[in-house]
C-alpha atoms as a PDB file:
ATOM      1  CA  MET A   1      -0.007   0.021   0.008  1.00  0.00           C
ATOM      2  CA  SER A   2       1.546   3.293  -1.091  1.00  0.00           C
ATOM      3  CA  ASN A   3       0.878   6.381   0.996  1.00  0.00           C
ATOM      4  CA  SER A   4       2.423   9.165  -1.160  1.00  0.00           C
ATOM      5  CA  THR A   5       1.740  12.796  -0.629  1.00  0.00           C
ATOM      6  CA  ASP A   6       2.237  15.433  -3.269  1.00  0.00           C
ATOM      7  CA  ILE A   7       3.287  18.999  -2.439  1.00  0.00           C
ATOM      8  CA  SER A   8       2.708  21.740  -5.051  1.00  0.00           C
ATOM      9  CA  THR A   9       4.042  25.194  -4.682  1.00  0.00           C
ATOM     10  CA  TYR A  10       2.651  28.416  -6.059  1.00  0.00           C
ATOM     11  CA  THR A  11       3.624  32.096  -5.878  1.00  0.00           C
ATOM     12  CA  LEU A  12       0.787  34.484  -4.918  1.00  0.00           C
ATOM     13  CA  SER A  13       0.538  38.179  -5.678  1.00  0.00           C
ATOM     14  CA  GLY A  14      -1.802  40.589  -3.804  1.00  0.00           C
ATOM     15  CA  VAL A  15      -1.766  38.552  -0.584  1.00  0.00           C
ATOM     16  CA  THR A  16      -0.755  41.294   1.855  1.00  0.00           C
ATOM     17  CA  CYS A  17      -2.144  40.467   5.214  1.00  0.00           C
ATOM     18  CA  GLY A  18      -3.237  37.711   7.582  1.00  0.00           C
ATOM     19  CA  GLY A  19      -6.847  38.115   6.489  1.00  0.00           C
ATOM     20  CA  CYS A  20      -5.847  37.455   2.884  1.00  0.00           C
ATOM     21  CA  VAL A  21      -3.902  34.347   3.925  1.00  0.00           C
ATOM     22  CA  GLY A  22      -6.931  33.114   5.866  1.00  0.00           C
ATOM     23  CA  LYS A  23      -9.254  33.570   2.878  1.00  0.00           C
ATOM     24  CA  VAL A  24      -6.966  31.680   0.542  1.00  0.00           C
ATOM     25  CA  GLU A  25      -6.164  28.886   2.962  1.00  0.00           C
ATOM     26  CA  ALA A  26      -9.869  28.375   3.694  1.00  0.00           C
ATOM     27  CA  ALA A  27     -10.884  28.346   0.064  1.00  0.00           C
ATOM     28  CA  ILE A  28      -8.126  25.947  -1.074  1.00  0.00           C
ATOM     29  CA  GLY A  29      -8.503  23.762   1.961  1.00  0.00           C
ATOM     30  CA  LYS A  30     -12.122  23.014   0.941  1.00  0.00           C
ATOM     31  CA  LEU A  31     -11.129  21.644  -2.499  1.00  0.00           C
ATOM     32  CA  SER A  32     -11.225  17.905  -3.108  1.00  0.00           C
ATOM     33  CA  GLY A  33      -7.922  16.173  -2.795  1.00  0.00           C
ATOM     34  CA  ILE A  34      -6.335  18.821  -0.530  1.00  0.00           C
ATOM     35  CA  ASP A  35      -4.953  17.713   2.806  1.00  0.00           C
ATOM     36  CA  GLY A  36      -3.321  20.994   3.835  1.00  0.00           C
ATOM     37  CA  VAL A  37      -2.302  24.500   2.761  1.00  0.00           C
ATOM     38  CA  GLN A  38       0.430  26.724   4.099  1.00  0.00           C
ATOM     39  CA  ILE A  39       1.174  30.265   2.914  1.00  0.00           C
ATOM     40  CA  GLU A  40       4.239  32.292   3.856  1.00  0.00           C
ATOM     41  CA  LEU A  41       3.050  35.847   3.886  1.00  0.00           C
ATOM     42  CA  ALA A  42       6.567  37.413   3.602  1.00  0.00           C
ATOM     43  CA  THR A  43       7.412  35.502   0.409  1.00  0.00           C
ATOM     44  CA  GLY A  44       3.988  34.925  -1.124  1.00  0.00           C
ATOM     45  CA  ARG A  45       4.828  31.200  -1.382  1.00  0.00           C
ATOM     46  CA  MET A  46       1.989  28.747  -0.930  1.00  0.00           C
ATOM     47  CA  SER A  47       2.460  25.013  -0.442  1.00  0.00           C
ATOM     48  CA  VAL A  48      -0.560  22.760  -1.172  1.00  0.00           C
ATOM     49  CA  ILE A  49      -0.415  19.248   0.290  1.00  0.00           C
ATOM     50  CA  GLY A  50      -2.548  16.612  -1.412  1.00  0.00           C
ATOM     51  CA  ALA A  51      -2.678  12.892  -1.891  1.00  0.00           C
ATOM     52  CA  GLY A  52      -2.225  13.114  -5.685  1.00  0.00           C
ATOM     53  CA  GLY A  53      -5.801  14.339  -6.327  1.00  0.00           C
ATOM     54  CA  ALA A  54      -5.291  18.080  -6.229  1.00  0.00           C
ATOM     55  CA  ASP A  55      -6.198  19.790  -9.502  1.00  0.00           C
ATOM     56  CA  GLY A  56      -3.727  22.586 -10.202  1.00  0.00           C
ATOM     57  CA  ALA A  57      -5.999  24.479 -12.668  1.00  0.00           C
ATOM     58  CA  LEU A  58      -8.885  24.441 -10.003  1.00  0.00           C
ATOM     59  CA  ILE A  59      -6.464  25.744  -7.395  1.00  0.00           C
ATOM     60  CA  GLN A  60      -5.395  28.625  -9.681  1.00  0.00           C
ATOM     61  CA  THR A  61      -8.961  29.433 -10.677  1.00  0.00           C
ATOM     62  CA  THR A  62     -10.112  29.469  -7.039  1.00  0.00           C
ATOM     63  CA  ILE A  63      -7.306  31.866  -6.046  1.00  0.00           C
ATOM     64  CA  GLU A  64      -8.051  34.129  -9.061  1.00  0.00           C
ATOM     65  CA  LYS A  65     -11.814  34.282  -8.082  1.00  0.00           C
ATOM     66  CA  LEU A  66     -10.688  35.653  -4.678  1.00  0.00           C
ATOM     67  CA  GLY A  67      -8.975  38.500  -6.506  1.00  0.00           C
ATOM     68  CA  TYR A  68      -5.364  37.421  -6.264  1.00  0.00           C
ATOM     69  CA  ARG A  69      -2.795  36.413  -8.908  1.00  0.00           C
ATOM     70  CA  VAL A  70      -1.034  33.121  -8.882  1.00  0.00           C
ATOM     71  CA  ALA A  71       1.757  31.334 -10.687  1.00  0.00           C
ATOM     72  CA  GLU A  72       2.681  27.648 -10.248  1.00  0.00           C
ATOM     73  CA  GLY A  73       6.165  26.969  -9.007  1.00  0.00           C
END
């Protein structure tokens, strides 16, 4: 039985405060296949932890709908 976990990283723009971080983490955390989300406010880096089922396009669309810009990597 394989128990692999994937971690994807993204760079966010426009996330400038703890409230912004909370909104993004809550929205991404609700998506199917997501086990955890961590955002470093100082760098704008977001790590998304999933069990291989996280949809990168859906993650990006969700962030953009919140009014922020996002790039994978």
